Amino acid sequence: MELASYSDYAVRLVNTEEPARGTDTLTSVEAVRSLFGPNSQAARRAADADVTRFRSVRARLRAVFTAADSGEATQAVDLLNSLLLEFPVSPQISGHDVLDDEGRPRWHMHLAEHPSNATAGYAATAAMGLAFHLTEHGVDRLGLCQAAPCRNAYLDTSTNRSRRYCSDRCATRANVAAYRARKRLENERSASTGRTPRTSQDTTARAER
């Protein structure tokens, strides 16, 4: 597994809350455990106290994305470094659970944490994964969805650094909102000049003449 792929841990945690909508799904131990994914031994360590601790780490991770999204690269890096110092990990080579076609170990990197609780383990993995993603792809690859009021975190992996939304759904919603805004502006301008807004049918009819 590429270490940068662990950055999904950060996105997953940050997006358990949508501040602008006032929603928060991180309200129970079960919600904490679900963040680890299926078959995770680390999730079994989760306790009631981890709910509050996870929320604290979530706020710090969102601050990293917010700084990066605002173009404050140095601040984003400083905030992430503080997490790395507080929640250290040790990269290790593993291959015992992944075999190639000939039955030999397929060596890959894992992050070995030595946490005192579930939050420390998750935070260490998320911070290290985000750090690898940031250094490999750039600070500007960390963003917050531009489709208000969403503001979910995302990692831009597009070839031309053009991603602005966390999902296709938000991209569609933003495009529809932009189209409606343009139509309203056209109607207002037409009303102020006394002209009737041109419709697509009018355009087609004129083209056929």
Protein backbone atom coordinates (compact mmCIF):
# COMPACT_ATOMS: atom_id res chain seq x y z
CA MET A 1 0.00 0.00 0.00
CA GLU A 2 1.27 3.47 -0.86
CA LEU A 3 1.65 5.54 2.28
CA ALA A 4 -0.17 8.45 0.63
CA SER A 5 -3.29 6.30 0.46
CA TYR A 6 -3.58 6.60 4.24
CA SER A 7 -4.56 10.24 3.63
CA ASP A 8 -8.08 8.92 3.09
CA TYR A 9 -8.21 8.47 6.86
CA ALA A 10 -7.97 12.23 7.25
CA VAL A 11 -10.67 12.94 4.65
CA ARG A 12 -12.96 10.33 6.18
CA LEU A 13 -12.68 11.86 9.65
CA VAL A 14 -13.01 15.50 8.58
CA ASN A 15 -16.14 14.72 6.58
CA THR A 16 -18.02 13.27 9.54
CA GLU A 17 -19.01 16.87 10.23
CA GLU A 18 -20.59 19.50 7.99
CA PRO A 19 -20.42 22.71 10.06
CA ALA A 20 -22.44 24.84 7.64
CA ARG A 21 -25.27 22.33 7.72
CA GLY A 22 -24.96 21.68 11.45
CA THR A 23 -24.57 17.92 11.00
CA ASP A 24 -22.21 15.61 12.87
CA THR A 25 -22.20 11.83 12.54
CA LEU A 26 -19.37 11.31 15.01
CA THR A 27 -21.62 10.76 18.02
CA SER A 28 -20.90 7.23 19.24
CA VAL A 29 -18.24 4.57 19.68
CA GLU A 30 -19.78 2.71 16.74
CA ALA A 31 -19.23 5.77 14.54
CA VAL A 32 -15.59 5.90 15.65
CA ARG A 33 -15.07 2.23 14.86
CA SER A 34 -16.62 2.57 11.41
CA LEU A 35 -13.94 5.09 10.44
CA PHE A 36 -11.26 2.40 10.65
CA GLY A 37 -12.93 0.33 7.96
CA PRO A 38 -13.83 -3.37 8.04
CA ASN A 39 -11.75 -5.97 9.81
CA SER A 40 -9.60 -3.44 11.65
CA GLN A 41 -8.10 -4.61 14.93
CA ALA A 42 -7.41 -0.99 15.89
CA ALA A 43 -11.15 -0.26 15.92
CA ARG A 44 -11.62 -2.72 18.77
CA ARG A 45 -9.68 -0.41 21.09
CA ALA A 46 -12.25 2.37 20.69
CA ALA A 47 -14.00 3.49 23.87
CA ASP A 48 -16.47 6.18 24.85
CA ALA A 49 -13.68 8.67 25.55
CA ASP A 50 -12.48 8.37 21.95
CA VAL A 51 -15.56 10.18 20.64
CA THR A 52 -14.40 13.45 22.20
CA ARG A 53 -10.77 12.81 21.31
CA PHE A 54 -11.66 12.06 17.68
CA ARG A 55 -13.59 15.31 17.45
CA SER A 56 -10.55 17.22 18.66
CA VAL A 57 -8.31 15.61 16.02
CA ARG A 58 -11.00 16.24 13.41
CA ALA A 59 -10.95 19.97 14.12
CA ARG A 60 -7.16 20.05 13.73
CA LEU A 61 -7.26 18.12 10.47
CA ARG A 62 -9.96 20.41 9.09
CA ALA A 63 -7.74 23.36 9.97
CA VAL A 64 -5.04 21.83 7.73
CA PHE A 65 -7.47 21.57 4.81
CA THR A 66 -8.82 25.07 5.46
CA ALA A 67 -5.34 26.59 5.41
CA ALA A 68 -4.40 24.69 2.25
CA ASP A 69 -7.67 25.67 0.55
CA SER A 70 -7.01 29.32 1.42
CA GLY A 71 -3.52 29.22 -0.10
CA GLU A 72 -1.79 29.34 3.30
CA ALA A 73 0.74 26.60 2.52
CA THR A 74 3.13 27.30 5.41
CA GLN A 75 0.30 27.34 7.92
CA ALA A 76 -1.09 24.07 6.58
CA VAL A 77 2.33 22.42 6.89
CA ASP A 78 2.88 23.79 10.41
CA LEU A 79 -0.50 22.48 11.55
CA LEU A 80 0.20 19.07 10.05
CA ASN A 81 3.67 18.94 11.57
CA SER A 82 2.20 19.52 15.01
CA LEU A 83 0.00 16.45 14.51
CA LEU A 84 2.95 14.38 13.31
CA LEU A 85 4.94 15.31 16.42
CA GLU A 86 2.08 14.48 18.75
CA PHE A 87 1.10 11.23 17.00
CA PRO A 88 4.28 9.52 15.65
CA VAL A 89 4.37 6.31 13.63
CA SER A 90 7.02 3.90 12.35
CA PRO A 91 6.91 2.84 8.68
CA GLN A 92 7.51 -0.90 8.35
CA ILE A 93 7.86 -3.34 5.45
CA SER A 94 5.15 -5.99 5.39
CA GLY A 95 4.22 -8.86 3.12
CA HIS A 96 2.79 -11.57 5.30
CA ASP A 97 -0.80 -10.91 4.24
CA VAL A 98 -0.29 -10.25 0.49
CA LEU A 99 1.13 -12.90 -1.84
CA ASP A 100 1.97 -12.72 -5.54
CA ASP A 101 0.94 -15.27 -8.20
CA GLU A 102 3.80 -17.55 -7.18
CA GLY A 103 2.93 -17.45 -3.49
CA ARG A 104 5.77 -15.16 -2.50
CA PRO A 105 5.26 -12.14 -0.22
CA ARG A 106 4.37 -8.95 -2.06
CA TRP A 107 6.41 -6.52 -0.01
CA HIS A 108 4.79 -3.18 0.75
CA MET A 109 4.85 -0.42 3.34
CA HIS A 110 2.63 -0.27 6.40
CA LEU A 111 2.39 2.30 9.16
CA ALA A 112 3.01 0.69 12.53
CA GLU A 113 1.62 2.79 15.35
CA HIS A 114 2.11 2.27 19.06
CA PRO A 115 -0.91 4.14 20.39
CA SER A 116 -2.19 4.44 23.90
CA ASN A 117 -5.77 4.60 22.59
CA ALA A 118 -7.77 4.32 19.37
CA THR A 119 -7.63 8.05 18.68
CA ALA A 120 -3.84 8.16 18.80
CA GLY A 121 -3.60 5.28 16.36
CA TYR A 122 -6.05 6.78 13.90
CA ALA A 123 -4.57 10.27 14.16
CA ALA A 124 -1.06 8.94 13.53
CA THR A 125 -2.14 7.10 10.40
CA ALA A 126 -4.22 10.02 9.08
CA ALA A 127 -1.52 12.62 9.69
CA MET A 128 1.26 10.53 8.15
CA GLY A 129 -0.85 9.66 5.12
CA LEU A 130 -1.78 13.31 4.63
CA ALA A 131 1.87 14.31 4.97
CA PHE A 132 2.94 11.88 2.25
CA HIS A 133 0.14 13.09 -0.03
CA LEU A 134 1.06 16.73 0.58
CA THR A 135 4.77 16.29 -0.07
CA GLU A 136 4.23 14.14 -3.15
CA HIS A 137 1.45 16.13 -4.82
CA GLY A 138 1.56 19.61 -3.26
CA VAL A 139 -0.34 21.60 -0.65
CA ASP A 140 -2.79 22.88 -3.26
CA ARG A 141 -4.03 19.30 -3.71
CA LEU A 142 -5.85 19.57 -0.37
CA GLY A 143 -9.17 21.32 -0.75
CA LEU A 144 -12.64 22.01 0.59
CA CYS A 145 -15.73 21.58 -1.56
CA GLN A 146 -16.80 24.82 -3.25
CA ALA A 147 -20.46 23.78 -3.43
CA ALA A 148 -21.80 25.72 -0.44
CA PRO A 149 -22.82 24.78 2.15
CA CYS A 150 -20.99 21.45 1.75
CA ARG A 151 -17.30 22.27 2.47
CA ASN A 152 -16.32 18.62 2.68
CA ALA A 153 -12.61 17.88 2.43
CA TYR A 154 -11.14 16.22 -0.65
CA LEU A 155 -7.79 15.27 -2.16
CA ASP A 156 -7.29 16.55 -5.70
CA THR A 157 -5.79 13.81 -7.86
CA SER A 158 -6.78 15.34 -11.21
CA THR A 159 -4.05 15.73 -13.82
CA ASN A 160 -4.58 19.47 -14.20
CA ARG A 161 -5.27 20.39 -10.56
CA SER A 162 -8.81 21.38 -11.48
CA ARG A 163 -10.89 19.67 -8.82
CA ARG A 164 -13.17 21.99 -6.87
CA TYR A 165 -15.85 19.69 -5.47
CA CYS A 166 -15.87 16.67 -3.15
CA SER A 167 -18.17 14.61 -5.38
CA ASP A 168 -19.96 14.51 -8.73
CA ARG A 169 -23.18 15.28 -6.89
CA CYS A 170 -21.81 18.55 -5.53
CA ALA A 171 -20.30 19.44 -8.91
CA THR A 172 -23.69 18.97 -10.59
CA ARG A 173 -25.46 20.95 -7.89
CA ALA A 174 -22.97 23.83 -8.26
CA ASN A 175 -23.31 23.84 -12.05
CA VAL A 176 -27.11 23.94 -11.83
CA ALA A 177 -26.95 26.79 -9.30
CA ALA A 178 -24.54 28.72 -11.56
CA TYR A 179 -26.83 28.21 -14.57
CA ARG A 180 -29.87 29.45 -12.66
CA ALA A 181 -27.92 32.47 -11.44
CA ARG A 182 -26.97 33.34 -15.03
CA LYS A 183 -30.58 33.01 -16.16
CA ARG A 184 -31.77 35.27 -13.35
CA LEU A 185 -29.19 37.87 -14.33
CA GLU A 186 -30.26 37.67 -17.98
CA ASN A 187 -33.90 38.10 -16.99
CA GLU A 188 -33.10 41.09 -14.77
CA ARG A 189 -31.11 42.76 -17.55
CA SER A 190 -33.88 42.08 -20.06
CA ALA A 191 -36.47 43.50 -17.67
CA SER A 192 -34.43 46.67 -17.19
CA THR A 193 -34.16 47.21 -20.96
CA GLY A 194 -37.71 46.17 -21.74
CA ARG A 195 -36.58 43.25 -23.90
CA THR A 196 -37.94 39.74 -23.75
CA PRO A 197 -35.28 37.18 -22.80
CA ARG A 198 -34.27 35.03 -25.75
CA THR A 199 -35.10 31.37 -25.28
CA SER A 200 -33.45 28.39 -26.86
CA GLN A 201 -36.48 28.05 -29.15
CA ASP A 202 -36.04 31.65 -30.35
CA THR A 203 -32.40 30.95 -31.12
CA THR A 204 -33.26 27.80 -33.05
CA ALA A 205 -36.00 29.56 -35.04
CA ARG A 206 -33.67 32.38 -36.05
CA ALA A 207 -31.00 29.92 -37.12
CA GLU A 208 -33.48 28.14 -39.42
CA ARG A 209 -34.45 31.33 -41.28
